[in-house]
N, C-alpha and C. Protein backbone atom coordinates (compact mmCIF):
# COMPACT_ATOMS: atom_id res chain seq x y z
N UNK A 1 8.62 -17.82 0.47
CA UNK A 1 7.96 -16.79 -0.36
C UNK A 1 8.73 -15.53 -0.37
N UNK A 2 9.15 -15.09 -1.54
CA UNK A 2 9.90 -13.96 -1.73
C UNK A 2 9.03 -12.64 -1.75
N UNK A 3 9.55 -11.71 -0.96
CA UNK A 3 8.93 -10.41 -0.70
C UNK A 3 9.78 -9.35 -1.56
N UNK A 4 9.08 -8.61 -2.38
CA UNK A 4 9.51 -7.59 -3.05
C UNK A 4 9.14 -6.11 -2.55
N UNK A 5 9.93 -5.02 -2.62
CA UNK A 5 9.45 -3.94 -2.27
C UNK A 5 9.40 -3.03 -3.55
N UNK A 6 8.31 -2.29 -3.58
CA UNK A 6 8.03 -1.33 -4.73
C UNK A 6 8.38 0.08 -4.23
N UNK A 7 9.22 0.71 -5.10
CA UNK A 7 9.50 2.14 -4.85
C UNK A 7 8.47 2.97 -5.63
N UNK A 8 8.36 4.13 -5.26
CA UNK A 8 7.18 5.12 -5.68
C UNK A 8 6.96 5.02 -7.04
N UNK A 9 7.68 5.15 -7.94
CA UNK A 9 7.51 4.95 -9.35
C UNK A 9 6.71 3.84 -9.84
N UNK A 10 6.97 2.59 -9.51
CA UNK A 10 6.32 1.28 -9.49
C UNK A 10 5.06 1.26 -8.90
N UNK A 11 4.74 1.95 -7.58
CA UNK A 11 3.50 2.12 -6.87
C UNK A 11 2.70 2.83 -7.99
N UNK A 12 3.24 3.92 -8.52
CA UNK A 12 2.17 4.94 -9.18
C UNK A 12 1.80 4.20 -10.53
N UNK A 13 2.65 3.50 -11.12
CA UNK A 13 2.51 2.48 -12.46
C UNK A 13 1.35 1.64 -12.12
N UNK A 14 1.63 0.96 -10.88
CA UNK A 14 0.67 -0.30 -10.43
C UNK A 14 -0.79 0.19 -10.13
N UNK A 15 -0.89 1.38 -9.53
CA UNK A 15 -2.18 2.06 -9.13
C UNK A 15 -2.78 3.07 -10.03
N UNK A 16 -2.00 3.72 -10.80
CA UNK A 16 -2.43 4.80 -11.79
C UNK A 16 -2.60 6.13 -10.87
N UNK A 17 -2.13 5.98 -9.59
CA UNK A 17 -2.18 7.28 -8.69
C UNK A 17 -1.03 8.21 -8.87
N UNK A 18 -1.12 9.23 -8.64
CA UNK A 18 -0.04 10.33 -8.50
C UNK A 18 0.64 10.30 -7.05
N UNK A 19 1.81 10.83 -7.03
CA UNK A 19 2.72 10.74 -5.70
C UNK A 19 1.47 11.45 -4.59
N UNK A 20 0.96 12.66 -4.96
CA UNK A 20 0.23 13.17 -3.94
C UNK A 20 -0.96 12.47 -3.72
N UNK A 21 -1.53 11.85 -4.53
CA UNK A 21 -2.81 10.88 -4.20
C UNK A 21 -2.43 9.83 -3.33
N UNK A 22 -1.27 9.28 -3.76
CA UNK A 22 -0.79 8.02 -2.82
C UNK A 22 -0.74 8.41 -1.32
N UNK A 23 -0.04 9.56 -1.08
CA UNK A 23 0.19 10.13 0.19
C UNK A 23 -0.89 10.64 0.94
N UNK A 24 -1.97 11.22 0.06
CA UNK A 24 -3.31 11.60 0.53
C UNK A 24 -4.11 10.40 1.10
N UNK A 25 -4.04 9.34 0.33
CA UNK A 25 -4.82 8.22 0.72
C UNK A 25 -4.14 7.43 2.07
N UNK A 26 -2.66 7.72 2.12
CA UNK A 26 -2.31 7.12 3.38
C UNK A 26 -2.88 7.99 4.43
N UNK A 27 -2.84 9.13 4.52
CA UNK A 27 -3.37 9.99 5.59
C UNK A 27 -4.84 9.71 5.98
N UNK A 28 -5.60 9.16 4.85
CA UNK A 28 -7.12 9.02 4.94
C UNK A 28 -7.25 7.45 5.50
N UNK A 29 -6.01 6.66 5.53
CA UNK A 29 -6.09 5.47 5.90
C UNK A 29 -6.43 4.51 4.81
N UNK A 30 -6.56 4.98 3.64
CA UNK A 30 -6.92 3.97 2.36
C UNK A 30 -5.93 3.58 1.25
N UNK A 31 -4.49 3.69 2.03
CA UNK A 31 -3.44 3.10 1.40
C UNK A 31 -2.51 2.92 2.50
N UNK A 32 -1.51 1.57 2.33
CA UNK A 32 -0.75 1.21 3.37
C UNK A 32 0.60 2.28 3.53
N UNK A 33 1.02 2.45 4.76
CA UNK A 33 1.99 3.40 4.97
C UNK A 33 3.27 2.71 4.35
N UNK A 34 4.36 3.39 3.82
CA UNK A 34 5.34 2.78 3.19
C UNK A 34 6.28 2.23 4.31
N UNK A 35 7.31 1.37 3.99
CA UNK A 35 8.43 0.98 5.05
C UNK A 35 9.60 1.58 4.72
N UNK A 36 10.51 1.77 5.68
CA UNK A 36 11.59 2.51 5.54
C UNK A 36 12.74 1.49 4.85
N UNK A 37 13.52 1.87 3.96
CA UNK A 37 14.51 1.10 3.36
C UNK A 37 15.84 1.67 3.91
N UNK A 38 15.89 2.69 4.82
CA UNK A 38 17.18 3.29 5.41
C UNK A 38 17.47 4.66 4.61
N UNK A 39 17.79 5.72 5.35
CA UNK A 39 18.10 6.78 4.89
C UNK A 39 16.87 7.52 4.55
N UNK A 40 16.57 8.09 3.47
CA UNK A 40 15.44 8.65 2.91
C UNK A 40 14.50 8.06 2.09
N UNK A 41 14.94 6.60 2.08
CA UNK A 41 14.25 5.89 1.01
C UNK A 41 13.20 4.88 1.56
N UNK A 42 11.96 5.04 0.78
CA UNK A 42 10.73 4.22 1.39
C UNK A 42 10.23 3.30 0.21
N UNK A 43 9.60 2.27 0.49
CA UNK A 43 8.98 1.59 -0.31
C UNK A 43 7.74 0.65 0.13
N UNK A 44 7.02 0.05 -0.59
CA UNK A 44 5.81 -0.73 -0.28
C UNK A 44 5.88 -2.06 -0.50
N UNK A 45 5.46 -3.01 0.20
CA UNK A 45 5.62 -4.30 0.05
C UNK A 45 4.71 -4.69 -1.19
N UNK A 46 5.22 -5.39 -2.17
CA UNK A 46 4.48 -5.64 -3.35
C UNK A 46 3.12 -6.36 -3.14
N UNK A 47 3.02 -7.24 -2.36
CA UNK A 47 1.69 -8.21 -2.05
C UNK A 47 0.80 -7.09 -1.45
N UNK A 48 1.04 -6.18 -0.80
CA UNK A 48 0.15 -5.06 -0.27
C UNK A 48 -0.52 -4.28 -1.20
N UNK A 49 0.44 -3.77 -2.18
CA UNK A 49 -0.16 -3.07 -3.26
C UNK A 49 -0.92 -3.81 -4.16
N UNK A 50 -0.61 -4.99 -4.45
CA UNK A 50 -1.25 -5.92 -5.38
C UNK A 50 -2.82 -6.07 -4.58
N UNK A 51 -2.84 -6.23 -3.47
CA UNK A 51 -4.23 -6.50 -2.63
C UNK A 51 -5.10 -5.52 -2.85
N UNK A 52 -4.42 -4.14 -2.63
CA UNK A 52 -5.13 -2.90 -2.86
C UNK A 52 -5.77 -2.90 -4.09
N UNK A 53 -4.71 -3.02 -5.23
CA UNK A 53 -5.39 -2.93 -6.44
C UNK A 53 -6.41 -3.84 -6.65
N UNK A 54 -6.54 -5.16 -6.25
CA UNK A 54 -7.46 -6.26 -6.64
C UNK A 54 -8.72 -5.63 -5.92
N UNK A 55 -8.54 -5.05 -4.64
CA UNK A 55 -9.88 -4.56 -3.93
C UNK A 55 -10.54 -3.42 -4.83
N UNK A 56 -9.57 -2.57 -5.31
CA UNK A 56 -10.15 -1.67 -6.15
C UNK A 56 -10.93 -2.07 -7.48
N UNK A 57 -10.14 -2.99 -7.95
CA UNK A 57 -10.87 -3.65 -9.28
C UNK A 57 -12.10 -4.19 -8.94
N UNK A 58 -12.18 -4.93 -7.70
CA UNK A 58 -13.54 -5.53 -7.28
C UNK A 58 -14.51 -4.60 -7.15
N UNK A 59 -14.30 -3.12 -6.87
CA UNK A 59 -15.21 -2.38 -6.56
C UNK A 59 -15.64 -2.28 -5.25
N UNK A 60 -14.66 -2.61 -4.24
CA UNK A 60 -14.76 -2.65 -2.91
C UNK A 60 -15.08 -1.08 -2.44
N UNK A 61 -16.05 -1.03 -1.60
CA UNK A 61 -16.26 0.57 -1.09
C UNK A 61 -15.07 1.05 0.00
N UNK A 62 -14.96 2.11 -0.18
CA UNK A 62 -13.90 3.01 0.66
C UNK A 62 -13.70 2.30 2.11
N UNK A 63 -14.79 2.03 2.98
CA UNK A 63 -14.71 1.54 4.17
C UNK A 63 -14.09 0.12 4.15
N UNK A 64 -14.41 -0.51 3.28
CA UNK A 64 -13.81 -1.90 3.07
C UNK A 64 -12.18 -1.95 2.93
N UNK A 65 -11.98 -0.92 1.98
CA UNK A 65 -10.55 -0.69 1.66
C UNK A 65 -9.67 -0.21 2.90
N UNK A 66 -10.29 0.57 3.78
CA UNK A 66 -9.75 0.94 4.74
C UNK A 66 -9.56 -0.45 5.99
N UNK A 67 -10.46 -1.04 5.90
CA UNK A 67 -10.16 -2.43 6.80
C UNK A 67 -9.32 -3.24 6.07
N UNK A 68 -9.17 -3.43 4.68
CA UNK A 68 -7.92 -4.11 4.17
C UNK A 68 -6.67 -3.66 4.60
N UNK A 69 -6.57 -2.21 4.42
CA UNK A 69 -5.40 -1.42 4.67
C UNK A 69 -5.03 -1.76 6.25
N UNK A 70 -5.76 -1.59 7.02
CA UNK A 70 -5.64 -1.89 8.57
C UNK A 70 -5.09 -3.32 8.71
N UNK A 71 -5.69 -4.23 8.10
CA UNK A 71 -5.46 -5.71 8.15
C UNK A 71 -3.97 -5.93 7.57
N UNK A 72 -3.67 -5.39 6.51
CA UNK A 72 -2.28 -5.57 5.84
C UNK A 72 -1.21 -4.92 6.93
N UNK A 73 -1.51 -3.81 7.42
CA UNK A 73 -0.58 -3.24 8.38
C UNK A 73 -0.42 -3.92 9.50
N UNK A 74 -1.45 -4.76 10.15
CA UNK A 74 -1.39 -5.57 11.24
C UNK A 74 -0.58 -6.59 11.02
N UNK A 75 -0.85 -7.38 9.76
CA UNK A 75 -0.04 -8.55 9.45
C UNK A 75 1.39 -8.19 9.40
N UNK A 76 1.96 -7.00 8.81
CA UNK A 76 3.14 -6.41 8.64
C UNK A 76 3.86 -6.24 10.08
N UNK A 77 3.05 -5.85 10.92
CA UNK A 77 3.54 -5.65 12.38
C UNK A 77 3.66 -7.02 12.95
N UNK A 78 2.89 -7.95 12.86
CA UNK A 78 2.93 -9.34 13.26
C UNK A 78 4.28 -10.10 12.90
N UNK A 79 4.91 -9.73 11.89
CA UNK A 79 5.97 -10.25 11.23
C UNK A 79 7.18 -9.89 11.98
N UNK A 80 7.23 -8.81 12.60
CA UNK A 80 8.26 -8.38 13.37
C UNK A 80 8.40 -8.75 14.89
């Protein structure tokens, strides 16, 4: 399975959120933290962004979105 990393412009396009909204939701636990790409570059795994968008489309409440984010980040740590 190929994994793609989305940079911020692609994340903004996929979610419809602004930069500040993405980072605000990260601090609230409602959006996955970015992964370091080296230097000052970061990105988000495409499958995590897609899962979050799908949850929003399905109308999941905020607490379920936070659980999803925690699950996605735990799965990311399990890979390493």
